[in-house]
Amino acid sequence: MAGKNYKYSNITVSGRIATGTSTLAKNLERALGWKRINVGDLQREFDRKRGKSEHFSGSDTRADQWEKDIEAMTKEKLTNEDKLIYEAWLSGFVAKDIKGVLRVLLTCDDALRIDRLVNRDNMSVDEAKKQIESREKGNIKKWQALYGKYDFWDPKYYNLVLDTYTTGPNETMGIVLDKLGFDGNSH
């Protein structure tokens, strides 16, 4: 199932807000030429169609069935397709029992996450703190009601956990590519 020189056929990239998941997923897409799926983009499109602000909407504003449909889609794609980079908060947790998936979790110090959000989205520190707190608390509450009282970012669910406070974007990508078994000639 994995490519000629790869140890895994798909990659999930998970992490909380502003840990660097989008940067890593985009960098992996460029390096590998694999298809990238960003579930956050799907969620934001869904929210825009319903007139919700992307900064303060989250799983707690969506129907349970939407979350279950996203989970089913994630499992289906990661089980039946190859060469995917699947970026979503819960993608690694959802894929914990799927063979051939490199499950990457990105972590980062809260102060740096707030700083990244301030700079990325041009908001105040207080707005960034409120956004992180509101979205994360709401999402976790919803997901625990649906899936159980899990810590969705417990390292035991992941093959690789990287702190993006201590590794820059290129180093983070390099560590993931090494774990994948990428040799630079594996397209």
C-alpha atoms as a PDB file:
ATOM      1  CA  MET A   1       0.000   0.000   0.000  1.00  0.00           C
ATOM      2  CA  ALA A   2       2.809   2.458   0.795  1.00  0.00           C
ATOM      3  CA  GLY A   3       4.775   3.902  -2.112  1.00  0.00           C
ATOM      4  CA  LYS A   4       7.952   2.249  -3.333  1.00  0.00           C
ATOM      5  CA  ASN A   5      10.166   3.925  -0.759  1.00  0.00           C
ATOM      6  CA  TYR A   6       7.579   4.960   1.813  1.00  0.00           C
ATOM      7  CA  LYS A   7       6.802   3.392   5.167  1.00  0.00           C
ATOM      8  CA  TYR A   8       3.275   4.878   5.096  1.00  0.00           C
ATOM      9  CA  SER A   9       0.676   5.426   2.379  1.00  0.00           C
ATOM     10  CA  ASN A  10      -0.972   8.516   3.919  1.00  0.00           C
ATOM     11  CA  ILE A  11      -0.154  11.242   6.420  1.00  0.00           C
ATOM     12  CA  THR A  12      -2.447  12.954   8.903  1.00  0.00           C
ATOM     13  CA  VAL A  13      -1.453  16.320  10.338  1.00  0.00           C
ATOM     14  CA  SER A  14      -3.215  17.239  13.574  1.00  0.00           C
ATOM     15  CA  GLY A  15      -2.814  19.953  16.159  1.00  0.00           C
ATOM     16  CA  ARG A  16      -4.583  22.785  17.871  1.00  0.00           C
ATOM     17  CA  ILE A  17      -5.006  26.292  16.451  1.00  0.00           C
ATOM     18  CA  ALA A  18      -1.754  27.921  15.232  1.00  0.00           C
ATOM     19  CA  THR A  19       0.543  24.969  15.873  1.00  0.00           C
ATOM     20  CA  GLY A  20       1.683  24.948  12.238  1.00  0.00           C
ATOM     21  CA  THR A  21      -0.501  22.231  10.715  1.00  0.00           C
ATOM     22  CA  SER A  22      -1.316  24.152   7.529  1.00  0.00           C
ATOM     23  CA  THR A  23       2.306  25.147   6.989  1.00  0.00           C
ATOM     24  CA  LEU A  24       3.446  21.540   7.403  1.00  0.00           C
ATOM     25  CA  ALA A  25       0.693  20.122   5.183  1.00  0.00           C
ATOM     26  CA  LYS A  26       1.469  22.616   2.392  1.00  0.00           C
ATOM     27  CA  ASN A  27       5.205  21.950   2.664  1.00  0.00           C
ATOM     28  CA  LEU A  28       4.618  18.185   2.486  1.00  0.00           C
ATOM     29  CA  GLU A  29       2.345  18.658  -0.524  1.00  0.00           C
ATOM     30  CA  ARG A  30       5.132  20.528  -2.346  1.00  0.00           C
ATOM     31  CA  ALA A  31       7.825  18.020  -1.365  1.00  0.00           C
ATOM     32  CA  LEU A  32       5.841  14.857  -2.101  1.00  0.00           C
ATOM     33  CA  GLY A  33       3.377  15.891  -4.792  1.00  0.00           C
ATOM     34  CA  TRP A  34       0.621  14.188  -2.798  1.00  0.00           C
ATOM     35  CA  LYS A  35      -2.971  15.422  -2.605  1.00  0.00           C
ATOM     36  CA  ARG A  36      -3.649  17.674   0.404  1.00  0.00           C
ATOM     37  CA  ILE A  37      -7.052  17.759   2.068  1.00  0.00           C
ATOM     38  CA  ASN A  38      -7.687  20.511   4.623  1.00  0.00           C
ATOM     39  CA  VAL A  39     -10.837  19.719   6.590  1.00  0.00           C
ATOM     40  CA  GLY A  40     -10.750  23.208   8.106  1.00  0.00           C
ATOM     41  CA  ASP A  41     -11.307  24.637   4.622  1.00  0.00           C
ATOM     42  CA  LEU A  42     -14.351  22.373   4.216  1.00  0.00           C
ATOM     43  CA  GLN A  43     -15.650  23.460   7.634  1.00  0.00           C
ATOM     44  CA  ARG A  44     -15.160  27.177   6.892  1.00  0.00           C
ATOM     45  CA  GLU A  45     -16.987  26.855   3.561  1.00  0.00           C
ATOM     46  CA  PHE A  46     -19.862  25.135   5.376  1.00  0.00           C
ATOM     47  CA  ASP A  47     -19.907  27.942   7.964  1.00  0.00           C
ATOM     48  CA  ARG A  48     -19.775  30.725   5.331  1.00  0.00           C
ATOM     49  CA  LYS A  49     -22.797  29.232   3.599  1.00  0.00           C
ATOM     50  CA  ARG A  50     -24.613  29.456   6.927  1.00  0.00           C
ATOM     51  CA  GLY A  51     -23.462  33.052   7.562  1.00  0.00           C
ATOM     52  CA  LYS A  52     -21.130  32.144  10.442  1.00  0.00           C
ATOM     53  CA  SER A  53     -17.890  33.998  11.203  1.00  0.00           C
ATOM     54  CA  GLU A  54     -14.927  31.742  10.595  1.00  0.00           C
ATOM     55  CA  HIS A  55     -13.180  33.070  13.699  1.00  0.00           C
ATOM     56  CA  PHE A  56     -15.869  32.137  16.178  1.00  0.00           C
ATOM     57  CA  SER A  57     -17.546  29.154  14.597  1.00  0.00           C
ATOM     58  CA  GLY A  58     -16.543  25.626  15.380  1.00  0.00           C
ATOM     59  CA  SER A  59     -17.773  22.108  15.804  1.00  0.00           C
ATOM     60  CA  ASP A  60     -20.134  23.167  18.562  1.00  0.00           C
ATOM     61  CA  THR A  61     -22.090  25.255  16.005  1.00  0.00           C
ATOM     62  CA  ARG A  62     -22.547  22.351  13.583  1.00  0.00           C
ATOM     63  CA  ALA A  63     -24.985  19.461  13.687  1.00  0.00           C
ATOM     64  CA  ASP A  64     -23.719  16.193  15.147  1.00  0.00           C
ATOM     65  CA  GLN A  65     -24.377  14.534  11.799  1.00  0.00           C
ATOM     66  CA  TRP A  66     -21.932  16.914  10.070  1.00  0.00           C
ATOM     67  CA  GLU A  67     -19.180  15.825  12.485  1.00  0.00           C
ATOM     68  CA  LYS A  68     -20.046  12.156  11.947  1.00  0.00           C
ATOM     69  CA  ASP A  69     -20.015  12.657   8.169  1.00  0.00           C
ATOM     70  CA  ILE A  70     -16.558  14.274   8.365  1.00  0.00           C
ATOM     71  CA  GLU A  71     -15.316  11.364  10.508  1.00  0.00           C
ATOM     72  CA  ALA A  72     -16.724   8.821   8.031  1.00  0.00           C
ATOM     73  CA  MET A  73     -15.180  10.683   5.081  1.00  0.00           C
ATOM     74  CA  THR A  74     -11.821  10.795   6.860  1.00  0.00           C
ATOM     75  CA  LYS A  75     -11.846   7.057   7.565  1.00  0.00           C
ATOM     76  CA  GLU A  76     -13.009   6.215   4.043  1.00  0.00           C
ATOM     77  CA  LYS A  77     -10.345   8.312   2.329  1.00  0.00           C
ATOM     78  CA  LEU A  78      -7.492   7.188   4.579  1.00  0.00           C
ATOM     79  CA  THR A  79      -8.505   3.537   4.190  1.00  0.00           C
ATOM     80  CA  ASN A  80      -9.164   3.495   0.438  1.00  0.00           C
ATOM     81  CA  GLU A  81      -6.864   6.145  -1.049  1.00  0.00           C
ATOM     82  CA  ASP A  82      -3.096   6.581  -1.071  1.00  0.00           C
ATOM     83  CA  LYS A  83      -0.745   9.551  -1.120  1.00  0.00           C
ATOM     84  CA  LEU A  84      -2.979  11.847   0.927  1.00  0.00           C
ATOM     85  CA  ILE A  85      -1.921  14.561   3.344  1.00  0.00           C
ATOM     86  CA  TYR A  86      -5.004  14.901   5.522  1.00  0.00           C
ATOM     87  CA  GLU A  87      -5.041  17.967   7.746  1.00  0.00           C
ATOM     88  CA  ALA A  88      -7.652  18.172  10.496  1.00  0.00           C
ATOM     89  CA  TRP A  89      -7.730  18.666  14.233  1.00  0.00           C
ATOM     90  CA  LEU A  90      -8.886  15.086  14.805  1.00  0.00           C
ATOM     91  CA  SER A  91      -7.484  13.321  11.727  1.00  0.00           C
ATOM     92  CA  GLY A  92      -4.765  11.489  13.645  1.00  0.00           C
ATOM     93  CA  PHE A  93      -7.147  10.445  16.398  1.00  0.00           C
ATOM     94  CA  VAL A  94      -9.739   9.268  13.853  1.00  0.00           C
ATOM     95  CA  ALA A  95      -7.033   7.338  11.963  1.00  0.00           C
ATOM     96  CA  LYS A  96      -5.578   5.669  15.062  1.00  0.00           C
ATOM     97  CA  ASP A  97      -6.709   2.196  13.934  1.00  0.00           C
ATOM     98  CA  ILE A  98      -6.051   2.597  10.189  1.00  0.00           C
ATOM     99  CA  LYS A  99      -2.930   0.848   8.930  1.00  0.00           C
ATOM    100  CA  GLY A 100      -0.426   2.657   6.756  1.00  0.00           C
ATOM    101  CA  VAL A 101      -1.138   6.141   8.115  1.00  0.00           C
ATOM    102  CA  LEU A 102       1.638   8.306   9.539  1.00  0.00           C
ATOM    103  CA  ARG A 103      -0.159  10.241  12.268  1.00  0.00           C
ATOM    104  CA  VAL A 104       1.642  13.512  13.028  1.00  0.00           C
ATOM    105  CA  LEU A 105       0.718  15.732  15.971  1.00  0.00           C
ATOM    106  CA  LEU A 106       2.049  19.277  16.164  1.00  0.00           C
ATOM    107  CA  THR A 107       2.212  21.018  19.521  1.00  0.00           C
ATOM    108  CA  CYS A 108       3.306  24.496  20.514  1.00  0.00           C
ATOM    109  CA  ASP A 109       3.503  26.777  23.528  1.00  0.00           C
ATOM    110  CA  ASP A 110       0.242  28.704  24.058  1.00  0.00           C
ATOM    111  CA  ALA A 111       1.964  32.110  24.064  1.00  0.00           C
ATOM    112  CA  LEU A 112       3.508  31.391  20.663  1.00  0.00           C
ATOM    113  CA  ARG A 113       0.170  30.129  19.304  1.00  0.00           C
ATOM    114  CA  ILE A 114      -1.438  33.407  20.391  1.00  0.00           C
ATOM    115  CA  ASP A 115       1.390  35.400  18.774  1.00  0.00           C
ATOM    116  CA  ARG A 116       1.041  33.438  15.528  1.00  0.00           C
ATOM    117  CA  LEU A 117      -2.707  34.041  15.446  1.00  0.00           C
ATOM    118  CA  VAL A 118      -2.253  37.777  16.115  1.00  0.00           C
ATOM    119  CA  ASN A 119       0.162  38.049  13.189  1.00  0.00           C
ATOM    120  CA  ARG A 120      -1.638  35.680  10.822  1.00  0.00           C
ATOM    121  CA  ASP A 121      -5.147  37.061  11.278  1.00  0.00           C
ATOM    122  CA  ASN A 122      -4.267  40.664  12.218  1.00  0.00           C
ATOM    123  CA  MET A 123      -6.082  40.634  15.559  1.00  0.00           C
ATOM    124  CA  SER A 124      -5.328  41.783  19.073  1.00  0.00           C
ATOM    125  CA  VAL A 125      -3.816  39.518  21.707  1.00  0.00           C
ATOM    126  CA  ASP A 126      -7.133  39.507  23.587  1.00  0.00           C
ATOM    127  CA  GLU A 127      -9.041  38.565  20.423  1.00  0.00           C
ATOM    128  CA  ALA A 128      -6.586  35.741  19.726  1.00  0.00           C
ATOM    129  CA  LYS A 129      -6.893  34.410  23.287  1.00  0.00           C
ATOM    130  CA  LYS A 130     -10.697  34.530  23.084  1.00  0.00           C
ATOM    131  CA  GLN A 131     -10.756  32.822  19.691  1.00  0.00           C
ATOM    132  CA  ILE A 132      -8.490  29.992  20.823  1.00  0.00           C
ATOM    133  CA  GLU A 133     -10.358  29.492  24.083  1.00  0.00           C
ATOM    134  CA  SER A 134     -13.820  29.664  22.511  1.00  0.00           C
ATOM    135  CA  ARG A 135     -13.121  27.382  19.564  1.00  0.00           C
ATOM    136  CA  GLU A 136     -11.060  24.825  21.440  1.00  0.00           C
ATOM    137  CA  LYS A 137     -13.410  24.542  24.426  1.00  0.00           C
ATOM    138  CA  GLY A 138     -16.471  24.332  22.174  1.00  0.00           C
ATOM    139  CA  ASN A 139     -14.907  21.773  19.857  1.00  0.00           C
ATOM    140  CA  ILE A 140     -13.591  19.577  22.664  1.00  0.00           C
ATOM    141  CA  LYS A 141     -16.954  19.633  24.443  1.00  0.00           C
ATOM    142  CA  LYS A 142     -18.736  18.619  21.228  1.00  0.00           C
ATOM    143  CA  TRP A 143     -16.225  15.908  20.325  1.00  0.00           C
ATOM    144  CA  GLN A 144     -16.227  14.423  23.820  1.00  0.00           C
ATOM    145  CA  ALA A 145     -20.022  14.261  23.695  1.00  0.00           C
ATOM    146  CA  LEU A 146     -19.792  12.430  20.348  1.00  0.00           C
ATOM    147  CA  TYR A 147     -16.734  10.208  20.837  1.00  0.00           C
ATOM    148  CA  GLY A 148     -16.119   9.938  24.582  1.00  0.00           C
ATOM    149  CA  LYS A 149     -13.954  11.680  27.153  1.00  0.00           C
ATOM    150  CA  TYR A 150     -10.730  11.387  25.180  1.00  0.00           C
ATOM    151  CA  ASP A 151      -7.721  13.663  25.143  1.00  0.00           C
ATOM    152  CA  PHE A 152      -7.681  13.865  21.340  1.00  0.00           C
ATOM    153  CA  TRP A 153      -4.087  15.104  21.298  1.00  0.00           C
ATOM    154  CA  ASP A 154      -2.662  12.451  23.616  1.00  0.00           C
ATOM    155  CA  PRO A 155       0.684  11.441  22.052  1.00  0.00           C
ATOM    156  CA  LYS A 156      -0.281   7.746  22.322  1.00  0.00           C
ATOM    157  CA  TYR A 157      -2.545   8.182  19.263  1.00  0.00           C
ATOM    158  CA  TYR A 158       0.303   9.472  17.059  1.00  0.00           C
ATOM    159  CA  ASN A 159       3.434   8.047  15.428  1.00  0.00           C
ATOM    160  CA  LEU A 160       5.241  11.373  15.595  1.00  0.00           C
ATOM    161  CA  VAL A 161       4.812  14.374  17.914  1.00  0.00           C
ATOM    162  CA  LEU A 162       6.684  17.583  17.115  1.00  0.00           C
ATOM    163  CA  ASP A 163       6.865  20.821  19.083  1.00  0.00           C
ATOM    164  CA  THR A 164       6.891  23.611  16.499  1.00  0.00           C
ATOM    165  CA  TYR A 165       8.250  26.007  19.123  1.00  0.00           C
ATOM    166  CA  THR A 166      11.580  24.164  18.905  1.00  0.00           C
ATOM    167  CA  THR A 167      11.535  23.151  15.225  1.00  0.00           C
ATOM    168  CA  GLY A 168      11.073  25.547  12.323  1.00  0.00           C
ATOM    169  CA  PRO A 169       8.918  24.760   9.280  1.00  0.00           C
ATOM    170  CA  ASN A 170      11.700  23.151   7.224  1.00  0.00           C
ATOM    171  CA  GLU A 171      13.055  21.083  10.109  1.00  0.00           C
ATOM    172  CA  THR A 172       9.531  19.936  10.994  1.00  0.00           C
ATOM    173  CA  MET A 173       8.946  18.851   7.397  1.00  0.00           C
ATOM    174  CA  GLY A 174      12.322  17.102   7.279  1.00  0.00           C
ATOM    175  CA  ILE A 175      11.553  15.064  10.390  1.00  0.00           C
ATOM    176  CA  VAL A 176       8.201  13.979   8.918  1.00  0.00           C
ATOM    177  CA  LEU A 177       9.800  13.089   5.570  1.00  0.00           C
ATOM    178  CA  ASP A 178      12.470  11.042   7.379  1.00  0.00           C
ATOM    179  CA  LYS A 179       9.778   9.155   9.319  1.00  0.00           C
ATOM    180  CA  LEU A 180       7.930   8.544   6.040  1.00  0.00           C
ATOM    181  CA  GLY A 181      11.080   7.115   4.462  1.00  0.00           C
ATOM    182  CA  PHE A 182      11.346   9.822   1.808  1.00  0.00           C
ATOM    183  CA  ASP A 183      14.689   9.887   0.022  1.00  0.00           C
ATOM    184  CA  GLY A 184      14.138  12.833  -2.317  1.00  0.00           C
ATOM    185  CA  ASN A 185      13.538  10.633  -5.357  1.00  0.00           C
ATOM    186  CA  SER A 186      10.292   8.977  -4.321  1.00  0.00           C
ATOM    187  CA  HIS A 187       7.630  10.882  -6.289  1.00  0.00           C
END
